[in-house]
Amino acid sequence: MTGFLRTVATRVAPALRSPMAIQRASLSSRPAKDKFGPVETVIGLGMFSLAILGPSGWVLAHLEEYKKKE
C-alpha cells in the first residue's frame, strides 16, 4: 500500500506544485460612462424574466400534453 501511495505522490505532486495561471477580474471602481435609462432597464429586466420564466411557463402550459403516453 505504501508503494502505491509513494507512486501516486511522485506522479501527482509535481502537477499540483506547478505554477498555475492567476486569473484576475477586470473590476472598475469608477461609475459607468453612460447611464442606463428607464427604457433600457425595463427591456433588460424583461429579457431576464423571459429567459428565466419562459421555459418553465412553456412546460406548465403544455403539461397535459406531456402527461399523455402515446
PDB file of N, CA and C in Angstrom:
ATOM      1  N   MET A   1       0.826  -1.193   0.000  1.00  0.00           N
ATOM      2  CA  MET A   1       0.000   0.000   0.000  1.00  0.00           C
ATOM      3  C   MET A   1       0.868   1.254   0.000  1.00  0.00           C
ATOM      4  N   THR A   2       1.970   1.221   0.765  1.00  0.00           N
ATOM      5  CA  THR A   2       2.839   2.396   0.808  1.00  0.00           C
ATOM      6  C   THR A   2       3.514   2.627  -0.538  1.00  0.00           C
ATOM      7  N   GLY A   3       3.804   1.546  -1.248  1.00  0.00           N
ATOM      8  CA  GLY A   3       4.386   1.689  -2.579  1.00  0.00           C
ATOM      9  C   GLY A   3       3.427   2.384  -3.535  1.00  0.00           C
ATOM     10  N   PHE A   4       2.159   2.020  -3.439  1.00  0.00           N
ATOM     11  CA  PHE A   4       1.130   2.655  -4.267  1.00  0.00           C
ATOM     12  C   PHE A   4       1.027   4.146  -3.953  1.00  0.00           C
ATOM     13  N   LEU A   5       0.987   4.470  -2.661  1.00  0.00           N
ATOM     14  CA  LEU A   5       0.882   5.874  -2.263  1.00  0.00           C
ATOM     15  C   LEU A   5       2.117   6.656  -2.683  1.00  0.00           C
ATOM     16  N   ARG A   6       3.293   6.040  -2.581  1.00  0.00           N
ATOM     17  CA  ARG A   6       4.521   6.711  -2.991  1.00  0.00           C
ATOM     18  C   ARG A   6       4.498   6.976  -4.493  1.00  0.00           C
ATOM     19  N   THR A   7       4.020   6.009  -5.281  1.00  0.00           N
ATOM     20  CA  THR A   7       3.930   6.182  -6.732  1.00  0.00           C
ATOM     21  C   THR A   7       2.955   7.300  -7.088  1.00  0.00           C
ATOM     22  N   VAL A   8       1.820   7.291  -6.449  1.00  0.00           N
ATOM     23  CA  VAL A   8       0.827   8.334  -6.714  1.00  0.00           C
ATOM     24  C   VAL A   8       1.382   9.698  -6.317  1.00  0.00           C
ATOM     25  N   ALA A   9       2.034   9.767  -5.168  1.00  0.00           N
ATOM     26  CA  ALA A   9       2.572  11.039  -4.688  1.00  0.00           C
ATOM     27  C   ALA A   9       3.648  11.575  -5.626  1.00  0.00           C
ATOM     28  N   THR A  10       4.504  10.692  -6.173  1.00  0.00           N
ATOM     29  CA  THR A  10       5.578  11.169  -7.054  1.00  0.00           C
ATOM     30  C   THR A  10       5.033  11.615  -8.407  1.00  0.00           C
ATOM     31  N   ARG A  11       3.913  11.052  -8.825  1.00  0.00           N
ATOM     32  CA  ARG A  11       3.366  11.429 -10.125  1.00  0.00           C
ATOM     33  C   ARG A  11       2.412  12.621 -10.037  1.00  0.00           C
ATOM     34  N   VAL A  12       1.695  12.747  -8.936  1.00  0.00           N
ATOM     35  CA  VAL A  12       0.694  13.795  -8.810  1.00  0.00           C
ATOM     36  C   VAL A  12       1.274  15.068  -8.218  1.00  0.00           C
ATOM     37  N   ALA A  13       2.197  14.947  -7.290  1.00  0.00           N
ATOM     38  CA  ALA A  13       2.724  16.109  -6.576  1.00  0.00           C
ATOM     39  C   ALA A  13       3.331  17.165  -7.508  1.00  0.00           C
ATOM     40  N   PRO A  14       4.144  16.795  -8.506  1.00  0.00           N
ATOM     41  CA  PRO A  14       4.686  17.848  -9.389  1.00  0.00           C
ATOM     42  C   PRO A  14       3.588  18.605 -10.137  1.00  0.00           C
ATOM     43  N   ALA A  15       2.540  17.922 -10.519  1.00  0.00           N
ATOM     44  CA  ALA A  15       1.450  18.601 -11.216  1.00  0.00           C
ATOM     45  C   ALA A  15       0.737  19.575 -10.295  1.00  0.00           C
ATOM     46  N   LEU A  16       0.642  19.227  -9.029  1.00  0.00           N
ATOM     47  CA  LEU A  16      -0.022  20.118  -8.087  1.00  0.00           C
ATOM     48  C   LEU A  16       0.859  21.305  -7.715  1.00  0.00           C
ATOM     49  N   ARG A  17       2.154  21.130  -7.778  1.00  0.00           N
ATOM     50  CA  ARG A  17       3.076  22.205  -7.407  1.00  0.00           C
ATOM     51  C   ARG A  17       3.347  23.178  -8.544  1.00  0.00           C
ATOM     52  N   SER A  18       3.004  22.824  -9.777  1.00  0.00           N
ATOM     53  CA  SER A  18       3.327  23.691 -10.910  1.00  0.00           C
ATOM     54  C   SER A  18       2.577  25.014 -10.792  1.00  0.00           C
ATOM     55  N   PRO A  19       3.220  26.089 -11.219  1.00  0.00           N
ATOM     56  CA  PRO A  19       2.563  27.396 -11.109  1.00  0.00           C
ATOM     57  C   PRO A  19       1.369  27.465 -12.056  1.00  0.00           C
ATOM     58  N   MET A  20       0.257  27.844 -11.512  1.00  0.00           N
ATOM     59  CA  MET A  20      -0.962  27.939 -12.310  1.00  0.00           C
ATOM     60  C   MET A  20      -1.161  29.382 -12.732  1.00  0.00           C
ATOM     61  N   ALA A  21      -1.853  29.577 -13.821  1.00  0.00           N
ATOM     62  CA  ALA A  21      -2.143  30.931 -14.286  1.00  0.00           C
ATOM     63  C   ALA A  21      -3.106  31.597 -13.309  1.00  0.00           C
ATOM     64  N   ILE A  22      -2.766  32.781 -12.903  1.00  0.00           N
ATOM     65  CA  ILE A  22      -3.615  33.521 -11.976  1.00  0.00           C
ATOM     66  C   ILE A  22      -4.578  34.374 -12.789  1.00  0.00           C
ATOM     67  N   GLN A  23      -5.844  34.179 -12.558  1.00  0.00           N
ATOM     68  CA  GLN A  23      -6.847  34.946 -13.274  1.00  0.00           C
ATOM     69  C   GLN A  23      -7.240  36.144 -12.425  1.00  0.00           C
ATOM     70  N   ARG A  24      -7.266  37.280 -13.048  1.00  0.00           N
ATOM     71  CA  ARG A  24      -7.653  38.492 -12.334  1.00  0.00           C
ATOM     72  C   ARG A  24      -8.889  39.073 -13.016  1.00  0.00           C
ATOM     73  N   ALA A  25      -9.835  39.465 -12.216  1.00  0.00           N
ATOM     74  CA  ALA A  25     -11.046  40.075 -12.751  1.00  0.00           C
ATOM     75  C   ALA A  25     -10.749  41.530 -13.080  1.00  0.00           C
ATOM     76  N   SER A  26     -11.328  41.988 -14.168  1.00  0.00           N
ATOM     77  CA  SER A  26     -11.143  43.390 -14.525  1.00  0.00           C
ATOM     78  C   SER A  26     -12.276  44.195 -13.897  1.00  0.00           C
ATOM     79  N   LEU A  27     -12.029  44.671 -12.692  1.00  0.00           N
ATOM     80  CA  LEU A  27     -13.023  45.439 -11.965  1.00  0.00           C
ATOM     81  C   LEU A  27     -12.745  46.924 -12.143  1.00  0.00           C
ATOM     82  N   SER A  28     -13.789  47.686 -12.106  1.00  0.00           N
ATOM     83  CA  SER A  28     -13.643  49.120 -12.233  1.00  0.00           C
ATOM     84  C   SER A  28     -14.254  49.785 -11.016  1.00  0.00           C
ATOM     85  N   SER A  29     -13.569  50.757 -10.475  1.00  0.00           N
ATOM     86  CA  SER A  29     -14.097  51.444  -9.302  1.00  0.00           C
ATOM     87  C   SER A  29     -14.804  52.735  -9.678  1.00  0.00           C
ATOM     88  N   ARG A  30     -14.830  53.040 -10.958  1.00  0.00           N
ATOM     89  CA  ARG A  30     -15.486  54.262 -11.418  1.00  0.00           C
ATOM     90  C   ARG A  30     -16.914  53.956 -11.849  1.00  0.00           C
ATOM     91  N   PRO A  31     -17.781  54.950 -11.837  1.00  0.00           N
ATOM     92  CA  PRO A  31     -19.139  54.737 -12.343  1.00  0.00           C
ATOM     93  C   PRO A  31     -19.120  54.538 -13.861  1.00  0.00           C
ATOM     94  N   ALA A  32     -20.199  54.024 -14.389  1.00  0.00           N
ATOM     95  CA  ALA A  32     -20.292  53.757 -15.819  1.00  0.00           C
ATOM     96  C   ALA A  32     -20.210  55.060 -16.612  1.00  0.00           C
ATOM     97  N   LYS A  33     -19.679  54.965 -17.823  1.00  0.00           N
ATOM     98  CA  LYS A  33     -19.562  56.162 -18.661  1.00  0.00           C
ATOM     99  C   LYS A  33     -20.938  56.668 -19.067  1.00  0.00           C
ATOM    100  N   ASP A  34     -21.804  55.758 -19.496  1.00  0.00           N
ATOM    101  CA  ASP A  34     -23.164  56.128 -19.904  1.00  0.00           C
ATOM    102  C   ASP A  34     -24.144  55.507 -18.926  1.00  0.00           C
ATOM    103  N   LYS A  35     -25.056  56.301 -18.432  1.00  0.00           N
ATOM    104  CA  LYS A  35     -26.061  55.776 -17.514  1.00  0.00           C
ATOM    105  C   LYS A  35     -27.179  55.123 -18.313  1.00  0.00           C
ATOM    106  N   PHE A  36     -27.747  54.056 -17.738  1.00  0.00           N
ATOM    107  CA  PHE A  36     -28.862  53.384 -18.374  1.00  0.00           C
ATOM    108  C   PHE A  36     -30.140  54.137 -18.059  1.00  0.00           C
ATOM    109  N   GLY A  37     -30.962  54.308 -19.071  1.00  0.00           N
ATOM    110  CA  GLY A  37     -32.236  54.978 -18.883  1.00  0.00           C
ATOM    111  C   GLY A  37     -33.305  53.993 -18.444  1.00  0.00           C
ATOM    112  N   PRO A  38     -34.506  54.501 -18.172  1.00  0.00           N
ATOM    113  CA  PRO A  38     -35.589  53.610 -17.732  1.00  0.00           C
ATOM    114  C   PRO A  38     -36.016  52.610 -18.807  1.00  0.00           C
ATOM    115  N   VAL A  39     -35.938  52.997 -20.078  1.00  0.00           N
ATOM    116  CA  VAL A  39     -36.346  52.085 -21.158  1.00  0.00           C
ATOM    117  C   VAL A  39     -35.385  50.897 -21.230  1.00  0.00           C
ATOM    118  N   GLU A  40     -34.087  51.172 -21.174  1.00  0.00           N
ATOM    119  CA  GLU A  40     -33.113  50.085 -21.227  1.00  0.00           C
ATOM    120  C   GLU A  40     -33.222  49.182 -20.005  1.00  0.00           C
ATOM    121  N   THR A  41     -33.524  49.765 -18.853  1.00  0.00           N
ATOM    122  CA  THR A  41     -33.688  48.974 -17.638  1.00  0.00           C
ATOM    123  C   THR A  41     -34.886  48.047 -17.750  1.00  0.00           C
ATOM    124  N   VAL A  42     -35.994  48.555 -18.252  1.00  0.00           N
ATOM    125  CA  VAL A  42     -37.206  47.742 -18.408  1.00  0.00           C
ATOM    126  C   VAL A  42     -36.977  46.636 -19.433  1.00  0.00           C
ATOM    127  N   ILE A  43     -36.316  46.962 -20.527  1.00  0.00           N
ATOM    128  CA  ILE A  43     -36.037  45.940 -21.556  1.00  0.00           C
ATOM    129  C   ILE A  43     -35.116  44.861 -20.992  1.00  0.00           C
ATOM    130  N   GLY A  44     -34.075  45.260 -20.267  1.00  0.00           N
ATOM    131  CA  GLY A  44     -33.155  44.285 -19.686  1.00  0.00           C
ATOM    132  C   GLY A  44     -33.830  43.382 -18.677  1.00  0.00           C
ATOM    133  N   LEU A  45     -34.617  43.962 -17.775  1.00  0.00           N
ATOM    134  CA  LEU A  45     -35.328  43.146 -16.779  1.00  0.00           C
ATOM    135  C   LEU A  45     -36.357  42.243 -17.448  1.00  0.00           C
ATOM    136  N   GLY A  46     -37.000  42.737 -18.489  1.00  0.00           N
ATOM    137  CA  GLY A  46     -37.966  41.912 -19.215  1.00  0.00           C
ATOM    138  C   GLY A  46     -37.315  40.719 -19.888  1.00  0.00           C
ATOM    139  N   MET A  47     -36.149  40.944 -20.489  1.00  0.00           N
ATOM    140  CA  MET A  47     -35.447  39.851 -21.159  1.00  0.00           C
ATOM    141  C   MET A  47     -34.953  38.800 -20.150  1.00  0.00           C
ATOM    142  N   PHE A  48     -34.440  39.259 -19.009  1.00  0.00           N
ATOM    143  CA  PHE A  48     -34.023  38.305 -17.979  1.00  0.00           C
ATOM    144  C   PHE A  48     -35.212  37.509 -17.460  1.00  0.00           C
ATOM    145  N   SER A  49     -36.330  38.177 -17.238  1.00  0.00           N
ATOM    146  CA  SER A  49     -37.526  37.479 -16.757  1.00  0.00           C
ATOM    147  C   SER A  49     -38.002  36.462 -17.777  1.00  0.00           C
ATOM    148  N   LEU A  50     -37.995  36.850 -19.043  1.00  0.00           N
ATOM    149  CA  LEU A  50     -38.423  35.933 -20.097  1.00  0.00           C
ATOM    150  C   LEU A  50     -37.483  34.738 -20.202  1.00  0.00           C
ATOM    151  N   ALA A  51     -36.194  34.976 -20.075  1.00  0.00           N
ATOM    152  CA  ALA A  51     -35.226  33.889 -20.175  1.00  0.00           C
ATOM    153  C   ALA A  51     -35.349  32.916 -19.010  1.00  0.00           C
ATOM    154  N   ILE A  52     -35.711  33.416 -17.834  1.00  0.00           N
ATOM    155  CA  ILE A  52     -35.805  32.549 -16.663  1.00  0.00           C
ATOM    156  C   ILE A  52     -37.180  31.904 -16.558  1.00  0.00           C
ATOM    157  N   LEU A  53     -38.224  32.691 -16.743  1.00  0.00           N
ATOM    158  CA  LEU A  53     -39.580  32.186 -16.538  1.00  0.00           C
ATOM    159  C   LEU A  53     -40.215  31.598 -17.796  1.00  0.00           C
ATOM    160  N   GLY A  54     -39.688  31.913 -18.967  1.00  0.00           N
ATOM    161  CA  GLY A  54     -40.264  31.437 -20.225  1.00  0.00           C
ATOM    162  C   GLY A  54     -40.306  29.924 -20.350  1.00  0.00           C
ATOM    163  N   PRO A  55     -39.179  29.233 -20.179  1.00  0.00           N
ATOM    164  CA  PRO A  55     -39.204  27.776 -20.321  1.00  0.00           C
ATOM    165  C   PRO A  55     -40.115  27.080 -19.309  1.00  0.00           C
ATOM    166  N   SER A  56     -40.115  27.549 -18.065  1.00  0.00           N
ATOM    167  CA  SER A  56     -40.986  26.909 -17.072  1.00  0.00           C
ATOM    168  C   SER A  56     -42.449  27.190 -17.378  1.00  0.00           C
ATOM    169  N   GLY A  57     -42.754  28.374 -17.882  1.00  0.00           N
ATOM    170  CA  GLY A  57     -44.123  28.672 -18.292  1.00  0.00           C
ATOM    171  C   GLY A  57     -44.573  27.811 -19.456  1.00  0.00           C
ATOM    172  N   TRP A  58     -43.656  27.554 -20.388  1.00  0.00           N
ATOM    173  CA  TRP A  58     -43.969  26.694 -21.535  1.00  0.00           C
ATOM    174  C   TRP A  58     -44.303  25.279 -21.063  1.00  0.00           C
ATOM    175  N   VAL A  59     -43.510  24.746 -20.157  1.00  0.00           N
ATOM    176  CA  VAL A  59     -43.747  23.395 -19.649  1.00  0.00           C
ATOM    177  C   VAL A  59     -45.078  23.344 -18.916  1.00  0.00           C
ATOM    178  N   LEU A  60     -45.358  24.333 -18.079  1.00  0.00           N
ATOM    179  CA  LEU A  60     -46.625  24.333 -17.343  1.00  0.00           C
ATOM    180  C   LEU A  60     -47.818  24.486 -18.274  1.00  0.00           C
ATOM    181  N   ALA A  61     -47.687  25.265 -19.344  1.00  0.00           N
ATOM    182  CA  ALA A  61     -48.783  25.448 -20.287  1.00  0.00           C
ATOM    183  C   ALA A  61     -49.067  24.171 -21.078  1.00  0.00           C
ATOM    184  N   HIS A  62     -48.050  23.352 -21.303  1.00  0.00           N
ATOM    185  CA  HIS A  62     -48.208  22.129 -22.092  1.00  0.00           C
ATOM    186  C   HIS A  62     -48.128  20.873 -21.227  1.00  0.00           C
ATOM    187  N   LEU A  63     -48.435  21.005 -19.960  1.00  0.00           N
ATOM    188  CA  LEU A  63     -48.306  19.887 -19.031  1.00  0.00           C
ATOM    189  C   LEU A  63     -49.206  18.718 -19.398  1.00  0.00           C
ATOM    190  N   GLU A  64     -50.413  18.993 -19.842  1.00  0.00           N
ATOM    191  CA  GLU A  64     -51.339  17.910 -20.215  1.00  0.00           C
ATOM    192  C   GLU A  64     -50.815  17.119 -21.406  1.00  0.00           C
ATOM    193  N   GLU A  65     -50.164  17.781 -22.342  1.00  0.00           N
ATOM    194  CA  GLU A  65     -49.595  17.067 -23.486  1.00  0.00           C
ATOM    195  C   GLU A  65     -48.441  16.173 -23.052  1.00  0.00           C
ATOM    196  N   TYR A  66     -47.672  16.626 -22.069  1.00  0.00           N
ATOM    197  CA  TYR A  66     -46.550  15.822 -21.593  1.00  0.00           C
ATOM    198  C   TYR A  66     -47.002  14.611 -20.780  1.00  0.00           C
ATOM    199  N   LYS A  67     -48.197  14.698 -20.194  1.00  0.00           N
ATOM    200  CA  LYS A  67     -48.714  13.581 -19.377  1.00  0.00           C
ATOM    201  C   LYS A  67     -49.167  12.416 -20.258  1.00  0.00           C
ATOM    202  N   LYS A  68     -49.560  12.700 -21.492  1.00  0.00           N
ATOM    203  CA  LYS A  68     -50.066  11.642 -22.380  1.00  0.00           C
ATOM    204  C   LYS A  68     -48.943  10.678 -22.726  1.00  0.00           C
ATOM    205  N   LYS A  69     -49.250   9.391 -22.666  1.00  0.00           N
ATOM    206  CA  LYS A  69     -48.291   8.368 -23.046  1.00  0.00           C
ATOM    207  C   LYS A  69     -48.725   7.785 -24.371  1.00  0.00           C
ATOM    208  N   GLU A  70     -48.185   8.280 -25.442  1.00  0.00           N
ATOM    209  CA  GLU A  70     -48.541   7.778 -26.772  1.00  0.00           C
ATOM    210  C   GLU A  70     -47.382   7.116 -27.416  1.00  0.00           C
TER     211      GLU A  70
END
